[in-house]
Every structure is written in C-alpha cells, then in structure tokens.
Amino acid sequence: MALPASALASVRRTCSSGTRGFTLIEVMVVVAIIGILAAIGMPAYSDYIRRSELPEAFSTLASQRVAMEQYYQDNRQYGTNTCGEGKIKFSDQPATGAKFSYACKLSGNNGNQAYTLTATGTSGHTKGHDYTLNEAGEQGTTQFKGAVTSKACWLKRGTEC
C-alpha cells in the first residue's frame, strides 16, 4: 500500500527541517573542550613568556662581570666606594623596557676585593625572580617564581639545577 503524494511530501518536509543546525548539547560539548584546552594552554604559554624574559638578567650579569674583571685588572680592586667607581654600567636596557633592575655590592677583607652582582625582576613575568653572580663566577638564585630559595645556579624552568 502506497502513501498518497500529499502525505509523502509532508513527511519529506518534516525530516529535512529537523536536520538543520546544531543541538544545544553539541554546542556545550564544543565549549567545554575549548575551555579544557584553554585551561591547559594558558599556564604553559605564561611560563614560556616568563622563560623568554629571564635571559636579559643572565646576559647583563655576565657582561657586567666581564666589566668588573677588566676594572680589577687595571686597579687591583673592584672599587673603593662603589663597584668600579661608577664606571661600570649596571643596566644596559632603557628604563621603560627593562625587566630587571641591577645592583652591585662590594665586600671582602678590605671591602673592595669581592663583589656580588644582583638582578631583581621588576615587571611582568620577571617579578619574584632574583639572580646573583659574584667575582668567582658563582651563580645563584635567591628568589624563583616568588618563592625564596638558595640554589647555586640560575634557575630557569624547574626548581633543581
């Protein structure tokens, strides 16, 4: 027994109109997947940006150590009152673009035979990072990701040297 033509047309219209678009459940599943990916990706991206800003401190400390050693070769001391008697520049970055501030402290028997260079994070992802370098070339991390530490290396990624 065959259906009349008018009934068949009515069935076709109903079936074809029901298959358009997405259901609410499908949309919610997609939104949930995007949320999970964002929750995983954002911390990883933030850590990547932080690690890309740390080499500024490492290169500046290393170059300032070279300058201090050159000053020592000429004067047989690292300075009488200040490191290199003010001839050593401790920040070669413009004040608006620097991610670290730099300092030098003289020490030793006569107060001028040893020094410690320090880089302290000042902005963005570098806040909470402090690195040191002394006349013996010993690297140190005193603060990493906001936590106080005393590692004998420059921490970049994890908490172990």
N, C-alpha and C. Protein backbone atom coordinates (compact mmCIF):
# COMPACT_ATOMS: atom_id res chain seq x y z
N MET A 1 0.84 -1.16 0.00
CA MET A 1 0.00 0.00 0.00
C MET A 1 0.89 1.23 0.00
N ALA A 2 0.65 2.10 -0.91
CA ALA A 2 1.46 3.29 -1.11
C ALA A 2 0.80 4.48 -0.44
N LEU A 3 1.63 5.40 0.03
CA LEU A 3 1.14 6.63 0.64
C LEU A 3 0.71 7.60 -0.44
N PRO A 4 -0.30 8.40 -0.17
CA PRO A 4 -0.68 9.41 -1.14
C PRO A 4 0.45 10.43 -1.28
N ALA A 5 0.53 11.13 -2.39
CA ALA A 5 1.60 12.08 -2.70
C ALA A 5 1.63 13.22 -1.70
N SER A 6 0.49 13.70 -1.23
CA SER A 6 0.46 14.81 -0.28
C SER A 6 1.06 14.40 1.07
N ALA A 7 0.81 13.18 1.52
CA ALA A 7 1.34 12.70 2.78
C ALA A 7 2.86 12.50 2.68
N LEU A 8 3.32 12.01 1.54
CA LEU A 8 4.73 11.79 1.32
C LEU A 8 5.50 13.13 1.32
N ALA A 9 4.94 14.15 0.73
CA ALA A 9 5.57 15.47 0.73
C ALA A 9 5.64 16.03 2.14
N SER A 10 4.62 15.79 2.94
CA SER A 10 4.61 16.27 4.31
C SER A 10 5.70 15.60 5.14
N VAL A 11 5.92 14.31 4.94
CA VAL A 11 6.96 13.57 5.66
C VAL A 11 8.33 14.09 5.25
N ARG A 12 8.55 14.38 3.97
CA ARG A 12 9.84 14.88 3.50
C ARG A 12 10.15 16.25 4.12
N ARG A 13 9.16 17.14 4.20
CA ARG A 13 9.38 18.46 4.78
C ARG A 13 9.75 18.34 6.26
N THR A 14 9.14 17.47 7.00
CA THR A 14 9.39 17.31 8.42
C THR A 14 10.79 16.75 8.65
N CYS A 15 11.21 15.78 7.90
CA CYS A 15 12.53 15.17 8.08
C CYS A 15 13.64 16.13 7.69
N SER A 16 13.48 16.84 6.62
CA SER A 16 14.55 17.72 6.17
C SER A 16 14.68 18.94 7.08
N SER A 17 13.62 19.43 7.65
CA SER A 17 13.71 20.59 8.52
C SER A 17 14.30 20.22 9.87
N GLY A 18 14.26 19.00 10.29
CA GLY A 18 14.79 18.57 11.59
C GLY A 18 16.29 18.34 11.58
N THR A 19 16.96 18.33 10.45
CA THR A 19 18.39 18.04 10.41
C THR A 19 19.25 19.28 10.25
N ARG A 20 18.70 20.47 10.36
CA ARG A 20 19.48 21.69 10.21
C ARG A 20 20.05 22.13 11.56
N GLY A 21 21.32 22.71 11.56
CA GLY A 21 21.90 23.30 12.75
C GLY A 21 22.48 22.30 13.74
N PHE A 22 22.88 22.85 14.92
CA PHE A 22 23.47 22.04 15.99
C PHE A 22 22.53 22.03 17.17
N THR A 23 22.58 20.97 17.92
CA THR A 23 21.79 20.92 19.14
C THR A 23 22.52 21.66 20.26
N LEU A 24 21.83 22.00 21.29
CA LEU A 24 22.42 22.69 22.43
C LEU A 24 23.51 21.83 23.08
N ILE A 25 23.31 20.56 23.15
CA ILE A 25 24.29 19.64 23.75
C ILE A 25 25.59 19.65 22.94
N GLU A 26 25.48 19.63 21.62
CA GLU A 26 26.67 19.65 20.78
C GLU A 26 27.47 20.94 20.99
N VAL A 27 26.78 22.06 21.07
CA VAL A 27 27.44 23.34 21.29
C VAL A 27 28.11 23.35 22.66
N MET A 28 27.45 22.82 23.68
CA MET A 28 28.02 22.79 25.03
C MET A 28 29.26 21.90 25.09
N VAL A 29 29.26 20.80 24.35
CA VAL A 29 30.43 19.92 24.31
C VAL A 29 31.62 20.65 23.70
N VAL A 30 31.40 21.38 22.62
CA VAL A 30 32.47 22.14 21.97
C VAL A 30 33.00 23.22 22.91
N VAL A 31 32.14 23.93 23.59
CA VAL A 31 32.57 24.97 24.53
C VAL A 31 33.37 24.35 25.67
N ALA A 32 32.97 23.20 26.15
CA ALA A 32 33.70 22.52 27.23
C ALA A 32 35.09 22.10 26.76
N ILE A 33 35.20 21.60 25.55
CA ILE A 33 36.50 21.20 25.00
C ILE A 33 37.41 22.41 24.87
N ILE A 34 36.89 23.51 24.37
CA ILE A 34 37.69 24.73 24.24
C ILE A 34 38.14 25.22 25.61
N GLY A 35 37.27 25.15 26.61
CA GLY A 35 37.63 25.55 27.97
C GLY A 35 38.74 24.69 28.55
N ILE A 36 38.69 23.39 28.31
CA ILE A 36 39.73 22.49 28.82
C ILE A 36 41.06 22.80 28.14
N LEU A 37 41.05 23.00 26.84
CA LEU A 37 42.29 23.33 26.12
C LEU A 37 42.87 24.66 26.60
N ALA A 38 42.03 25.64 26.85
CA ALA A 38 42.50 26.94 27.34
C ALA A 38 43.09 26.80 28.75
N ALA A 39 42.47 25.98 29.59
CA ALA A 39 42.97 25.78 30.95
C ALA A 39 44.35 25.13 30.96
N ILE A 40 44.62 24.33 29.97
CA ILE A 40 45.94 23.69 29.86
C ILE A 40 46.92 24.63 29.18
N GLY A 41 46.49 25.31 28.14
CA GLY A 41 47.39 26.12 27.32
C GLY A 41 47.83 27.42 27.94
N MET A 42 46.97 28.11 28.66
CA MET A 42 47.33 29.43 29.20
C MET A 42 48.49 29.37 30.21
N PRO A 43 48.50 28.47 31.18
CA PRO A 43 49.66 28.41 32.09
C PRO A 43 50.95 28.04 31.35
N ALA A 44 50.87 27.16 30.38
CA ALA A 44 52.06 26.80 29.62
C ALA A 44 52.59 27.99 28.83
N TYR A 45 51.70 28.76 28.24
CA TYR A 45 52.11 29.94 27.49
C TYR A 45 52.69 31.00 28.42
N SER A 46 52.10 31.18 29.57
CA SER A 46 52.59 32.15 30.55
C SER A 46 54.00 31.77 31.02
N ASP A 47 54.24 30.49 31.25
CA ASP A 47 55.56 30.02 31.65
C ASP A 47 56.57 30.22 30.53
N TYR A 48 56.15 30.00 29.30
CA TYR A 48 57.01 30.21 28.14
C TYR A 48 57.44 31.68 28.05
N ILE A 49 56.51 32.60 28.25
CA ILE A 49 56.83 34.03 28.22
C ILE A 49 57.80 34.38 29.35
N ARG A 50 57.58 33.84 30.53
CA ARG A 50 58.47 34.10 31.67
C ARG A 50 59.88 33.64 31.35
N ARG A 51 60.02 32.43 30.82
CA ARG A 51 61.35 31.90 30.50
C ARG A 51 62.03 32.71 29.40
N SER A 52 61.25 33.33 28.52
CA SER A 52 61.86 34.13 27.45
C SER A 52 62.38 35.46 27.96
N GLU A 53 61.92 35.92 29.12
CA GLU A 53 62.36 37.20 29.68
C GLU A 53 63.56 37.06 30.62
N LEU A 54 63.86 35.87 31.09
CA LEU A 54 64.96 35.67 32.04
C LEU A 54 66.34 35.88 31.44
N PRO A 55 66.60 35.53 30.18
CA PRO A 55 67.96 35.71 29.65
C PRO A 55 68.48 37.14 29.68
N GLU A 56 67.60 38.13 29.78
CA GLU A 56 68.07 39.51 29.93
C GLU A 56 68.95 39.63 31.17
N ALA A 57 68.52 39.05 32.27
CA ALA A 57 69.29 39.12 33.52
C ALA A 57 70.60 38.35 33.37
N PHE A 58 70.56 37.18 32.77
CA PHE A 58 71.75 36.36 32.66
C PHE A 58 72.82 37.05 31.81
N SER A 59 72.42 37.60 30.69
CA SER A 59 73.40 38.24 29.80
C SER A 59 73.93 39.53 30.41
N THR A 60 73.08 40.30 31.08
CA THR A 60 73.56 41.55 31.70
C THR A 60 74.50 41.26 32.85
N LEU A 61 74.17 40.28 33.69
CA LEU A 61 75.07 39.93 34.80
C LEU A 61 76.42 39.45 34.27
N ALA A 62 76.40 38.63 33.23
CA ALA A 62 77.64 38.12 32.67
C ALA A 62 78.48 39.23 32.06
N SER A 63 77.86 40.16 31.35
CA SER A 63 78.63 41.25 30.74
C SER A 63 79.16 42.21 31.80
N GLN A 64 78.40 42.42 32.87
CA GLN A 64 78.88 43.30 33.94
C GLN A 64 80.01 42.64 34.73
N ARG A 65 80.00 41.32 34.81
CA ARG A 65 81.11 40.62 35.46
C ARG A 65 82.39 40.82 34.66
N VAL A 66 82.29 40.75 33.34
CA VAL A 66 83.46 40.99 32.49
C VAL A 66 83.99 42.41 32.72
N ALA A 67 83.09 43.38 32.78
CA ALA A 67 83.50 44.77 33.01
C ALA A 67 84.17 44.93 34.38
N MET A 68 83.63 44.25 35.39
CA MET A 68 84.24 44.32 36.73
C MET A 68 85.63 43.71 36.73
N GLU A 69 85.82 42.61 36.02
CA GLU A 69 87.14 41.97 35.98
C GLU A 69 88.13 42.83 35.20
N GLN A 70 87.69 43.51 34.16
CA GLN A 70 88.56 44.43 33.44
C GLN A 70 88.97 45.59 34.35
N TYR A 71 88.03 46.10 35.13
CA TYR A 71 88.34 47.17 36.08
C TYR A 71 89.36 46.68 37.11
N TYR A 72 89.19 45.43 37.57
CA TYR A 72 90.11 44.87 38.56
C TYR A 72 91.52 44.75 38.00
N GLN A 73 91.64 44.34 36.75
CA GLN A 73 92.97 44.21 36.14
C GLN A 73 93.68 45.55 36.09
N ASP A 74 92.95 46.61 35.88
CA ASP A 74 93.56 47.94 35.81
C ASP A 74 93.86 48.52 37.18
N ASN A 75 93.06 48.21 38.20
CA ASN A 75 93.15 48.89 39.50
C ASN A 75 93.46 47.97 40.68
N ARG A 76 93.51 46.69 40.48
CA ARG A 76 93.77 45.69 41.54
C ARG A 76 92.75 45.77 42.67
N GLN A 77 91.59 46.24 42.37
CA GLN A 77 90.46 46.26 43.30
C GLN A 77 89.19 46.44 42.46
N TYR A 78 88.06 46.15 43.08
CA TYR A 78 86.79 46.29 42.35
C TYR A 78 86.16 47.67 42.55
N GLY A 79 86.75 48.47 43.40
CA GLY A 79 86.25 49.82 43.67
C GLY A 79 86.51 50.17 45.12
N THR A 80 86.53 51.45 45.44
CA THR A 80 86.73 51.85 46.84
C THR A 80 85.41 52.14 47.52
N ASN A 81 84.51 52.84 46.86
CA ASN A 81 83.21 53.15 47.44
C ASN A 81 82.07 52.44 46.70
N THR A 82 82.16 52.43 45.39
CA THR A 82 81.14 51.79 44.57
C THR A 82 81.81 50.82 43.61
N CYS A 83 81.03 49.93 43.07
CA CYS A 83 81.56 48.95 42.11
C CYS A 83 82.12 49.68 40.90
N GLY A 84 83.42 49.50 40.66
CA GLY A 84 84.05 50.11 39.50
C GLY A 84 84.07 51.62 39.56
N GLU A 85 83.89 52.18 40.74
CA GLU A 85 83.88 53.63 40.95
C GLU A 85 82.90 54.34 40.02
N GLY A 86 81.77 53.71 39.78
CA GLY A 86 80.73 54.32 38.96
C GLY A 86 80.98 54.21 37.47
N LYS A 87 82.08 53.59 37.08
CA LYS A 87 82.40 53.44 35.65
C LYS A 87 81.73 52.21 35.04
N ILE A 88 81.19 51.36 35.89
CA ILE A 88 80.54 50.15 35.41
C ILE A 88 79.04 50.44 35.33
N LYS A 89 78.49 50.17 34.19
CA LYS A 89 77.06 50.40 33.96
C LYS A 89 76.31 49.12 34.31
N PHE A 90 75.30 49.22 35.16
CA PHE A 90 74.60 48.03 35.61
C PHE A 90 73.28 47.77 34.93
N SER A 91 72.88 48.59 34.02
CA SER A 91 71.67 48.30 33.26
C SER A 91 71.85 48.88 31.87
N ASP A 92 72.00 48.00 30.89
CA ASP A 92 72.16 48.48 29.53
C ASP A 92 70.82 48.47 28.79
N GLN A 93 69.74 48.41 29.51
CA GLN A 93 68.40 48.44 28.93
C GLN A 93 67.74 49.78 29.27
N PRO A 94 66.92 50.31 28.40
CA PRO A 94 66.20 51.54 28.76
C PRO A 94 65.26 51.28 29.93
N ALA A 95 65.03 52.31 30.74
CA ALA A 95 64.23 52.16 31.95
C ALA A 95 62.82 51.67 31.65
N THR A 96 62.28 52.02 30.49
CA THR A 96 60.91 51.62 30.17
C THR A 96 60.82 50.18 29.69
N GLY A 97 61.90 49.60 29.18
CA GLY A 97 61.83 48.26 28.62
C GLY A 97 62.50 47.20 29.45
N ALA A 98 63.19 47.58 30.52
CA ALA A 98 63.92 46.61 31.33
C ALA A 98 62.97 45.76 32.15
N LYS A 99 63.28 44.50 32.23
CA LYS A 99 62.50 43.58 33.06
C LYS A 99 63.17 43.33 34.41
N PHE A 100 64.40 43.83 34.56
CA PHE A 100 65.16 43.64 35.78
C PHE A 100 65.82 44.95 36.19
N SER A 101 66.11 45.07 37.48
CA SER A 101 66.97 46.14 37.97
C SER A 101 68.25 45.48 38.46
N TYR A 102 69.35 46.21 38.39
CA TYR A 102 70.65 45.62 38.68
C TYR A 102 71.34 46.39 39.78
N ALA A 103 72.12 45.68 40.61
CA ALA A 103 72.85 46.30 41.70
C ALA A 103 74.17 45.57 41.90
N CYS A 104 75.07 46.23 42.56
CA CYS A 104 76.37 45.65 42.87
C CYS A 104 76.73 46.01 44.31
N LYS A 105 77.29 45.04 45.03
CA LYS A 105 77.70 45.28 46.41
C LYS A 105 79.13 44.80 46.58
N LEU A 106 79.98 45.69 47.09
CA LEU A 106 81.37 45.33 47.35
C LEU A 106 81.48 44.62 48.68
N SER A 107 82.45 43.72 48.78
CA SER A 107 82.69 43.01 50.04
C SER A 107 84.15 42.53 50.03
N GLY A 108 84.50 41.72 50.97
CA GLY A 108 85.87 41.21 51.05
C GLY A 108 86.59 41.78 52.26
N ASN A 109 87.86 41.40 52.40
CA ASN A 109 88.65 41.83 53.56
C ASN A 109 88.77 43.34 53.63
N ASN A 110 89.14 43.97 52.54
CA ASN A 110 89.30 45.42 52.50
C ASN A 110 88.04 46.11 51.99
N GLY A 111 87.00 45.37 51.78
CA GLY A 111 85.76 45.95 51.28
C GLY A 111 85.76 46.17 49.79
N ASN A 112 86.85 45.76 49.12
CA ASN A 112 86.91 46.01 47.69
C ASN A 112 87.52 44.85 46.90
N GLN A 113 87.65 43.70 47.51
CA GLN A 113 88.26 42.56 46.84
C GLN A 113 87.23 41.51 46.42
N ALA A 114 85.99 41.80 46.62
CA ALA A 114 84.92 40.88 46.21
C ALA A 114 83.67 41.69 45.92
N TYR A 115 82.79 41.13 45.15
CA TYR A 115 81.54 41.81 44.82
C TYR A 115 80.46 40.78 44.54
N THR A 116 79.23 41.25 44.60
CA THR A 116 78.08 40.44 44.21
C THR A 116 77.18 41.30 43.34
N LEU A 117 76.95 40.84 42.13
CA LEU A 117 76.02 41.49 41.22
C LEU A 117 74.65 40.85 41.43
N THR A 118 73.61 41.66 41.40
CA THR A 118 72.25 41.16 41.63
C THR A 118 71.31 41.68 40.55
N ALA A 119 70.47 40.80 40.04
CA ALA A 119 69.41 41.17 39.11
C ALA A 119 68.08 40.85 39.79
N THR A 120 67.21 41.85 39.89
CA THR A 120 65.92 41.69 40.55
C THR A 120 64.81 41.97 39.55
N GLY A 121 63.91 41.04 39.38
CA GLY A 121 62.80 41.21 38.45
C GLY A 121 61.90 42.36 38.87
N THR A 122 61.54 43.21 37.89
CA THR A 122 60.77 44.40 38.22
C THR A 122 59.40 44.47 37.55
N SER A 123 59.18 43.72 36.50
CA SER A 123 57.89 43.88 35.81
C SER A 123 57.45 42.58 35.17
N GLY A 124 56.14 42.51 34.96
CA GLY A 124 55.56 41.38 34.25
C GLY A 124 55.86 40.04 34.88
N HIS A 125 56.33 39.14 34.05
CA HIS A 125 56.59 37.77 34.48
C HIS A 125 57.90 37.63 35.26
N THR A 126 58.72 38.69 35.30
CA THR A 126 60.01 38.58 35.99
C THR A 126 59.92 38.93 37.48
N LYS A 127 58.81 39.49 37.91
CA LYS A 127 58.66 39.79 39.34
C LYS A 127 58.77 38.48 40.12
N GLY A 128 59.51 38.55 41.22
CA GLY A 128 59.69 37.35 42.03
C GLY A 128 60.87 36.51 41.58
N HIS A 129 61.78 37.08 40.78
CA HIS A 129 62.98 36.39 40.34
C HIS A 129 64.19 37.25 40.69
N ASP A 130 65.11 36.68 41.50
CA ASP A 130 66.35 37.37 41.87
C ASP A 130 67.52 36.45 41.58
N TYR A 131 68.50 36.98 40.85
CA TYR A 131 69.68 36.21 40.48
C TYR A 131 70.93 36.95 40.92
N THR A 132 71.98 36.20 41.27
CA THR A 132 73.23 36.80 41.70
C THR A 132 74.40 36.19 40.92
N LEU A 133 75.50 36.94 40.91
CA LEU A 133 76.76 36.49 40.31
C LEU A 133 77.88 37.19 41.07
N ASN A 134 78.91 36.44 41.48
CA ASN A 134 79.99 37.07 42.23
C ASN A 134 81.31 37.02 41.47
N GLU A 135 82.38 37.51 42.11
CA GLU A 135 83.68 37.61 41.45
C GLU A 135 84.26 36.25 41.09
N ALA A 136 83.84 35.20 41.77
CA ALA A 136 84.33 33.85 41.48
C ALA A 136 83.53 33.18 40.36
N GLY A 137 82.54 33.88 39.84
CA GLY A 137 81.72 33.32 38.78
C GLY A 137 80.62 32.41 39.29
N GLU A 138 80.37 32.43 40.59
CA GLU A 138 79.34 31.58 41.19
C GLU A 138 77.96 32.19 40.96
N GLN A 139 77.12 31.44 40.29
CA GLN A 139 75.75 31.89 40.01
C GLN A 139 74.86 31.48 41.17
N GLY A 140 73.81 32.27 41.39
CA GLY A 140 72.87 31.93 42.46
C GLY A 140 71.48 32.44 42.16
N THR A 141 70.51 31.75 42.70
CA THR A 141 69.11 32.17 42.62
C THR A 141 68.62 32.33 44.04
N THR A 142 68.17 33.54 44.39
CA THR A 142 67.69 33.78 45.75
C THR A 142 66.17 33.81 45.81
N GLN A 143 65.53 34.04 44.67
CA GLN A 143 64.07 34.01 44.61
C GLN A 143 63.67 33.52 43.22
N PHE A 144 62.73 32.56 43.19
CA PHE A 144 62.30 31.98 41.91
C PHE A 144 60.78 31.80 41.95
N LYS A 145 60.11 32.41 41.01
CA LYS A 145 58.64 32.38 40.92
C LYS A 145 58.01 32.84 42.24
N GLY A 146 58.65 33.81 42.89
CA GLY A 146 58.12 34.38 44.12
C GLY A 146 58.47 33.62 45.38
N ALA A 147 59.10 32.46 45.26
CA ALA A 147 59.48 31.67 46.43
C ALA A 147 60.95 31.85 46.74
N VAL A 148 61.28 32.02 48.00
CA VAL A 148 62.67 32.19 48.42
C VAL A 148 63.39 30.86 48.27
N THR A 149 64.59 30.92 47.70
CA THR A 149 65.39 29.72 47.50
C THR A 149 66.87 30.09 47.64
N SER A 150 67.72 29.11 47.71
CA SER A 150 69.16 29.38 47.77
C SER A 150 69.89 28.37 46.90
N LYS A 151 69.61 28.41 45.62
CA LYS A 151 70.23 27.49 44.67
C LYS A 151 71.53 28.08 44.13
N ALA A 152 72.50 27.21 43.90
CA ALA A 152 73.80 27.63 43.39
C ALA A 152 73.84 27.56 41.86
N CYS A 153 72.79 28.05 41.23
CA CYS A 153 72.71 28.12 39.77
C CYS A 153 71.61 29.11 39.42
N TRP A 154 71.47 29.43 38.16
CA TRP A 154 70.39 30.29 37.70
C TRP A 154 69.23 29.41 37.28
N LEU A 155 68.19 29.38 38.09
CA LEU A 155 67.02 28.58 37.76
C LEU A 155 66.25 29.23 36.61
N LYS A 156 65.83 28.39 35.68
CA LYS A 156 65.07 28.89 34.53
C LYS A 156 63.71 28.24 34.44
N ARG A 157 63.67 26.94 34.60
CA ARG A 157 62.44 26.20 34.37
C ARG A 157 61.93 25.53 35.65
N GLY A 158 62.69 24.62 36.18
CA GLY A 158 62.26 23.89 37.36
C GLY A 158 62.94 24.41 38.61
N THR A 159 62.82 23.68 39.69
CA THR A 159 63.39 24.13 40.96
C THR A 159 64.70 23.42 41.27
N GLU A 160 65.24 22.67 40.33
CA GLU A 160 66.53 21.99 40.53
C GLU A 160 67.52 22.44 39.47
N CYS A 161 68.80 22.49 39.88
CA CYS A 161 69.87 22.91 38.97
C CYS A 161 70.11 21.86 37.89
